[in-house]
Amino acid sequence: MALEDLKDNLSEVDRNVRAYLENSEEYYKLKGFKMAMRSISSLVKLLLLGSIALLALFMLSFAFAYGIGQWLNNIFLGFLAVGGTYILLGIACYLFRNKLDKPLIKKFSDYYFD
């Protein structure tokens, strides 16, 4: 009698462990899919908005450079001034690149560990 109860309990434990493992596997698959889709969705949004912003920046830079050139009566100097400004901006970004790491890591860790 006691052996039968033990055998039934062990069978039930085995079924429960198998069910738990199957459910855990499905949970991690869904969690991985969720993280992958969030990442892909964020990347697509970033690329779309970035390309539109880059196109707008290009047009505004062209207009600004042309306007400065007309103001200085030399189109070349206008484009040179805008190009120099972008070079200075690029150097500043390079010098402060380490300060960008902390906010980026914080933002992505919120997505990853959510």
N, C-alpha and C. Protein backbone atom coordinates (compact mmCIF):
# COMPACT_ATOMS: atom_id res chain seq x y z
N MET A 1 0.82 -1.18 0.00
CA MET A 1 0.00 0.00 0.00
C MET A 1 0.87 1.26 0.00
N ALA A 2 1.82 1.33 0.88
CA ALA A 2 2.70 2.49 0.95
C ALA A 2 3.54 2.58 -0.32
N LEU A 3 3.93 1.41 -0.84
CA LEU A 3 4.72 1.40 -2.08
C LEU A 3 3.90 1.90 -3.25
N GLU A 4 2.63 1.57 -3.29
CA GLU A 4 1.74 2.04 -4.37
C GLU A 4 1.59 3.56 -4.31
N ASP A 5 1.41 4.09 -3.08
CA ASP A 5 1.28 5.54 -2.92
C ASP A 5 2.56 6.25 -3.36
N LEU A 6 3.71 5.70 -2.99
CA LEU A 6 5.00 6.27 -3.38
C LEU A 6 5.16 6.25 -4.90
N LYS A 7 4.76 5.13 -5.49
CA LYS A 7 4.86 4.99 -6.95
C LYS A 7 3.95 6.01 -7.65
N ASP A 8 2.73 6.18 -7.13
CA ASP A 8 1.80 7.17 -7.70
C ASP A 8 2.34 8.59 -7.55
N ASN A 9 2.92 8.87 -6.39
CA ASN A 9 3.49 10.20 -6.15
C ASN A 9 4.66 10.48 -7.08
N LEU A 10 5.51 9.48 -7.27
CA LEU A 10 6.65 9.64 -8.17
C LEU A 10 6.18 9.84 -9.61
N SER A 11 5.14 9.14 -10.01
CA SER A 11 4.59 9.31 -11.35
C SER A 11 4.04 10.71 -11.53
N GLU A 12 3.36 11.18 -10.50
CA GLU A 12 2.78 12.52 -10.56
C GLU A 12 3.90 13.58 -10.59
N VAL A 13 4.95 13.37 -9.81
CA VAL A 13 6.09 14.30 -9.81
C VAL A 13 6.73 14.32 -11.19
N ASP A 14 6.88 13.15 -11.78
CA ASP A 14 7.48 13.07 -13.12
C ASP A 14 6.64 13.84 -14.14
N ARG A 15 5.33 13.68 -14.09
CA ARG A 15 4.44 14.41 -15.01
C ARG A 15 4.53 15.91 -14.78
N ASN A 16 4.56 16.30 -13.52
CA ASN A 16 4.64 17.74 -13.20
C ASN A 16 5.96 18.35 -13.66
N VAL A 17 7.04 17.61 -13.47
CA VAL A 17 8.35 18.12 -13.90
C VAL A 17 8.39 18.24 -15.42
N ARG A 18 7.87 17.25 -16.13
CA ARG A 18 7.84 17.32 -17.59
C ARG A 18 6.98 18.50 -18.07
N ALA A 19 5.84 18.69 -17.45
CA ALA A 19 4.97 19.81 -17.82
C ALA A 19 5.66 21.14 -17.54
N TYR A 20 6.33 21.23 -16.41
CA TYR A 20 7.05 22.45 -16.06
C TYR A 20 8.15 22.75 -17.09
N LEU A 21 8.90 21.74 -17.47
CA LEU A 21 9.98 21.94 -18.43
C LEU A 21 9.44 22.37 -19.80
N GLU A 22 8.34 21.75 -20.23
CA GLU A 22 7.73 22.13 -21.50
C GLU A 22 7.22 23.57 -21.46
N ASN A 23 6.57 23.94 -20.36
CA ASN A 23 6.07 25.31 -20.23
C ASN A 23 7.20 26.32 -20.13
N SER A 24 8.27 25.95 -19.43
CA SER A 24 9.43 26.85 -19.32
C SER A 24 10.08 27.06 -20.69
N GLU A 25 10.17 26.00 -21.47
CA GLU A 25 10.75 26.10 -22.81
C GLU A 25 9.91 27.05 -23.68
N GLU A 26 8.62 26.89 -23.63
CA GLU A 26 7.73 27.76 -24.40
C GLU A 26 7.84 29.21 -23.92
N TYR A 27 7.94 29.40 -22.61
CA TYR A 27 8.06 30.75 -22.06
C TYR A 27 9.32 31.42 -22.57
N TYR A 28 10.44 30.74 -22.55
CA TYR A 28 11.70 31.33 -23.00
C TYR A 28 11.71 31.57 -24.51
N LYS A 29 11.04 30.70 -25.25
CA LYS A 29 10.90 30.95 -26.69
C LYS A 29 10.11 32.23 -26.93
N LEU A 30 9.00 32.39 -26.21
CA LEU A 30 8.18 33.60 -26.36
C LEU A 30 8.93 34.85 -25.89
N LYS A 31 9.67 34.73 -24.81
CA LYS A 31 10.44 35.87 -24.31
C LYS A 31 11.52 36.25 -25.31
N GLY A 32 12.18 35.28 -25.88
CA GLY A 32 13.20 35.56 -26.91
C GLY A 32 12.58 36.20 -28.13
N PHE A 33 11.42 35.70 -28.54
CA PHE A 33 10.73 36.29 -29.69
C PHE A 33 10.32 37.73 -29.40
N LYS A 34 9.83 37.97 -28.19
CA LYS A 34 9.43 39.33 -27.80
C LYS A 34 10.62 40.27 -27.84
N MET A 35 11.76 39.84 -27.30
CA MET A 35 12.95 40.69 -27.30
C MET A 35 13.44 40.93 -28.72
N ALA A 36 13.42 39.91 -29.55
CA ALA A 36 13.87 40.05 -30.93
C ALA A 36 12.97 41.01 -31.69
N MET A 37 11.67 40.89 -31.52
CA MET A 37 10.73 41.78 -32.21
C MET A 37 10.85 43.22 -31.73
N ARG A 38 11.06 43.40 -30.44
CA ARG A 38 11.27 44.76 -29.93
C ARG A 38 12.52 45.37 -30.55
N SER A 39 13.58 44.57 -30.61
CA SER A 39 14.84 45.06 -31.18
C SER A 39 14.67 45.40 -32.65
N ILE A 40 14.05 44.51 -33.40
CA ILE A 40 13.85 44.73 -34.83
C ILE A 40 12.94 45.93 -35.06
N SER A 41 11.88 46.03 -34.27
CA SER A 41 10.96 47.16 -34.39
C SER A 41 11.67 48.48 -34.09
N SER A 42 12.47 48.50 -33.05
CA SER A 42 13.22 49.71 -32.70
C SER A 42 14.21 50.06 -33.79
N LEU A 43 14.86 49.06 -34.35
CA LEU A 43 15.84 49.30 -35.41
C LEU A 43 15.18 49.85 -36.66
N VAL A 44 14.03 49.30 -37.04
CA VAL A 44 13.31 49.78 -38.22
C VAL A 44 12.85 51.23 -38.01
N LYS A 45 12.32 51.52 -36.82
CA LYS A 45 11.90 52.90 -36.53
C LYS A 45 13.09 53.84 -36.58
N LEU A 46 14.20 53.42 -35.98
CA LEU A 46 15.40 54.24 -35.97
C LEU A 46 15.90 54.50 -37.38
N LEU A 47 15.93 53.47 -38.21
CA LEU A 47 16.39 53.64 -39.59
C LEU A 47 15.45 54.53 -40.39
N LEU A 48 14.16 54.36 -40.22
CA LEU A 48 13.20 55.16 -40.95
C LEU A 48 13.28 56.63 -40.54
N LEU A 49 13.20 56.88 -39.24
CA LEU A 49 13.27 58.26 -38.76
C LEU A 49 14.64 58.88 -39.03
N GLY A 50 15.69 58.08 -38.90
CA GLY A 50 17.04 58.56 -39.16
C GLY A 50 17.23 58.95 -40.62
N SER A 51 16.70 58.16 -41.52
CA SER A 51 16.86 58.48 -42.95
C SER A 51 16.07 59.74 -43.31
N ILE A 52 14.89 59.90 -42.74
CA ILE A 52 14.09 61.11 -43.01
C ILE A 52 14.80 62.33 -42.42
N ALA A 53 15.31 62.19 -41.20
CA ALA A 53 16.02 63.30 -40.56
C ALA A 53 17.30 63.64 -41.33
N LEU A 54 17.99 62.64 -41.82
CA LEU A 54 19.21 62.87 -42.59
C LEU A 54 18.91 63.59 -43.90
N LEU A 55 17.84 63.20 -44.55
CA LEU A 55 17.44 63.86 -45.78
C LEU A 55 17.06 65.32 -45.52
N ALA A 56 16.32 65.56 -44.44
CA ALA A 56 15.95 66.93 -44.08
C ALA A 56 17.19 67.75 -43.72
N LEU A 57 18.11 67.16 -42.99
CA LEU A 57 19.34 67.85 -42.63
C LEU A 57 20.17 68.18 -43.87
N PHE A 58 20.20 67.27 -44.81
CA PHE A 58 20.93 67.51 -46.06
C PHE A 58 20.34 68.71 -46.80
N MET A 59 19.04 68.74 -46.93
CA MET A 59 18.40 69.85 -47.65
C MET A 59 18.59 71.18 -46.91
N LEU A 60 18.42 71.15 -45.60
CA LEU A 60 18.60 72.38 -44.82
C LEU A 60 20.06 72.85 -44.87
N SER A 61 20.99 71.91 -44.83
CA SER A 61 22.41 72.28 -44.92
C SER A 61 22.73 72.89 -46.28
N PHE A 62 22.18 72.30 -47.31
CA PHE A 62 22.40 72.83 -48.65
C PHE A 62 21.86 74.25 -48.76
N ALA A 63 20.64 74.47 -48.26
CA ALA A 63 20.04 75.80 -48.31
C ALA A 63 20.82 76.79 -47.46
N PHE A 64 21.24 76.35 -46.28
CA PHE A 64 21.99 77.23 -45.39
C PHE A 64 23.35 77.60 -46.01
N ALA A 65 24.02 76.61 -46.58
CA ALA A 65 25.32 76.87 -47.21
C ALA A 65 25.16 77.82 -48.41
N TYR A 66 24.13 77.61 -49.17
CA TYR A 66 23.88 78.48 -50.33
C TYR A 66 23.56 79.90 -49.85
N GLY A 67 22.77 80.01 -48.78
CA GLY A 67 22.43 81.33 -48.23
C GLY A 67 23.65 82.05 -47.70
N ILE A 68 24.51 81.35 -46.97
CA ILE A 68 25.75 81.96 -46.48
C ILE A 68 26.63 82.38 -47.65
N GLY A 69 26.67 81.54 -48.66
CA GLY A 69 27.47 81.87 -49.86
C GLY A 69 26.98 83.13 -50.54
N GLN A 70 25.69 83.28 -50.65
CA GLN A 70 25.16 84.50 -51.26
C GLN A 70 25.43 85.72 -50.39
N TRP A 71 25.35 85.54 -49.07
CA TRP A 71 25.60 86.63 -48.14
C TRP A 71 27.06 87.08 -48.22
N LEU A 72 27.98 86.11 -48.40
CA LEU A 72 29.41 86.42 -48.52
C LEU A 72 29.84 86.70 -49.96
N ASN A 73 28.92 86.62 -50.88
CA ASN A 73 29.20 86.77 -52.31
C ASN A 73 30.20 85.73 -52.81
N ASN A 74 30.24 84.57 -52.19
CA ASN A 74 31.10 83.48 -52.62
C ASN A 74 30.46 82.17 -52.15
N ILE A 75 29.87 81.44 -53.07
CA ILE A 75 29.16 80.19 -52.75
C ILE A 75 30.11 79.18 -52.11
N PHE A 76 31.34 79.13 -52.59
CA PHE A 76 32.33 78.19 -52.06
C PHE A 76 32.53 78.38 -50.56
N LEU A 77 32.64 79.63 -50.11
CA LEU A 77 32.84 79.90 -48.68
C LEU A 77 31.63 79.48 -47.85
N GLY A 78 30.45 79.61 -48.41
CA GLY A 78 29.25 79.16 -47.70
C GLY A 78 29.27 77.66 -47.46
N PHE A 79 29.60 76.90 -48.49
CA PHE A 79 29.68 75.44 -48.33
C PHE A 79 30.84 75.05 -47.43
N LEU A 80 31.93 75.79 -47.50
CA LEU A 80 33.08 75.53 -46.64
C LEU A 80 32.71 75.78 -45.17
N ALA A 81 31.95 76.82 -44.90
CA ALA A 81 31.54 77.13 -43.52
C ALA A 81 30.64 76.03 -42.97
N VAL A 82 29.69 75.57 -43.75
CA VAL A 82 28.79 74.51 -43.28
C VAL A 82 29.55 73.20 -43.10
N GLY A 83 30.43 72.88 -44.04
CA GLY A 83 31.25 71.67 -43.92
C GLY A 83 32.15 71.72 -42.70
N GLY A 84 32.75 72.86 -42.44
CA GLY A 84 33.60 73.04 -41.26
C GLY A 84 32.81 72.87 -39.97
N THR A 85 31.58 73.38 -39.98
CA THR A 85 30.73 73.22 -38.79
C THR A 85 30.45 71.75 -38.53
N TYR A 86 30.19 70.98 -39.58
CA TYR A 86 29.95 69.55 -39.40
C TYR A 86 31.21 68.82 -38.94
N ILE A 87 32.36 69.25 -39.41
CA ILE A 87 33.61 68.64 -38.95
C ILE A 87 33.81 68.91 -37.47
N LEU A 88 33.57 70.15 -37.02
CA LEU A 88 33.69 70.48 -35.60
C LEU A 88 32.68 69.70 -34.76
N LEU A 89 31.48 69.55 -35.27
CA LEU A 89 30.45 68.76 -34.57
C LEU A 89 30.89 67.29 -34.46
N GLY A 90 31.47 66.76 -35.53
CA GLY A 90 31.97 65.38 -35.51
C GLY A 90 33.10 65.19 -34.51
N ILE A 91 34.00 66.16 -34.43
CA ILE A 91 35.10 66.08 -33.46
C ILE A 91 34.55 66.13 -32.03
N ALA A 92 33.57 67.01 -31.79
CA ALA A 92 32.96 67.10 -30.46
C ALA A 92 32.29 65.78 -30.09
N CYS A 93 31.58 65.16 -31.03
CA CYS A 93 30.94 63.87 -30.76
C CYS A 93 31.98 62.80 -30.45
N TYR A 94 33.09 62.84 -31.17
CA TYR A 94 34.15 61.86 -30.93
C TYR A 94 34.75 62.03 -29.54
N LEU A 95 34.95 63.29 -29.14
CA LEU A 95 35.56 63.54 -27.83
C LEU A 95 34.63 63.15 -26.68
N PHE A 96 33.33 63.29 -26.87
CA PHE A 96 32.37 62.98 -25.80
C PHE A 96 31.67 61.65 -26.01
N ARG A 97 32.27 60.75 -26.79
CA ARG A 97 31.63 59.47 -27.10
C ARG A 97 31.46 58.59 -25.87
N ASN A 98 32.35 58.69 -24.90
CA ASN A 98 32.24 57.85 -23.70
C ASN A 98 31.05 58.25 -22.83
N LYS A 99 30.64 59.49 -22.88
CA LYS A 99 29.50 59.94 -22.09
C LYS A 99 28.18 59.42 -22.66
N LEU A 100 28.19 58.94 -23.90
CA LEU A 100 26.99 58.39 -24.51
C LEU A 100 26.73 56.94 -24.09
N ASP A 101 27.76 56.27 -23.61
CA ASP A 101 27.62 54.85 -23.28
C ASP A 101 26.65 54.61 -22.13
N LYS A 102 26.74 55.39 -21.08
CA LYS A 102 25.91 55.16 -19.90
C LYS A 102 24.42 55.26 -20.20
N PRO A 103 23.93 56.33 -20.86
CA PRO A 103 22.49 56.36 -21.16
C PRO A 103 22.05 55.25 -22.11
N LEU A 104 22.91 54.89 -23.07
CA LEU A 104 22.54 53.82 -24.00
C LEU A 104 22.43 52.48 -23.29
N ILE A 105 23.38 52.19 -22.42
CA ILE A 105 23.34 50.93 -21.68
C ILE A 105 22.12 50.89 -20.79
N LYS A 106 21.80 52.00 -20.15
CA LYS A 106 20.62 52.05 -19.27
C LYS A 106 19.34 51.81 -20.07
N LYS A 107 19.23 52.45 -21.24
CA LYS A 107 18.03 52.32 -22.06
C LYS A 107 17.85 50.88 -22.56
N PHE A 108 18.93 50.28 -23.06
CA PHE A 108 18.82 48.94 -23.61
C PHE A 108 18.67 47.88 -22.52
N SER A 109 19.20 48.15 -21.32
CA SER A 109 19.01 47.19 -20.25
C SER A 109 17.55 47.16 -19.80
N ASP A 110 16.86 48.30 -19.92
CA ASP A 110 15.42 48.31 -19.61
C ASP A 110 14.67 47.41 -20.58
N TYR A 111 15.03 47.44 -21.86
CA TYR A 111 14.38 46.57 -22.84
C TYR A 111 14.73 45.10 -22.59
N TYR A 112 15.99 44.84 -22.31
CA TYR A 112 16.45 43.46 -22.19
C TYR A 112 15.90 42.77 -20.95
N PHE A 113 15.91 43.48 -19.83
CA PHE A 113 15.53 42.85 -18.57
C PHE A 113 14.06 43.06 -18.21
N ASP A 114 13.26 43.59 -19.15
CA ASP A 114 11.83 43.79 -18.91
C ASP A 114 11.08 42.50 -19.05
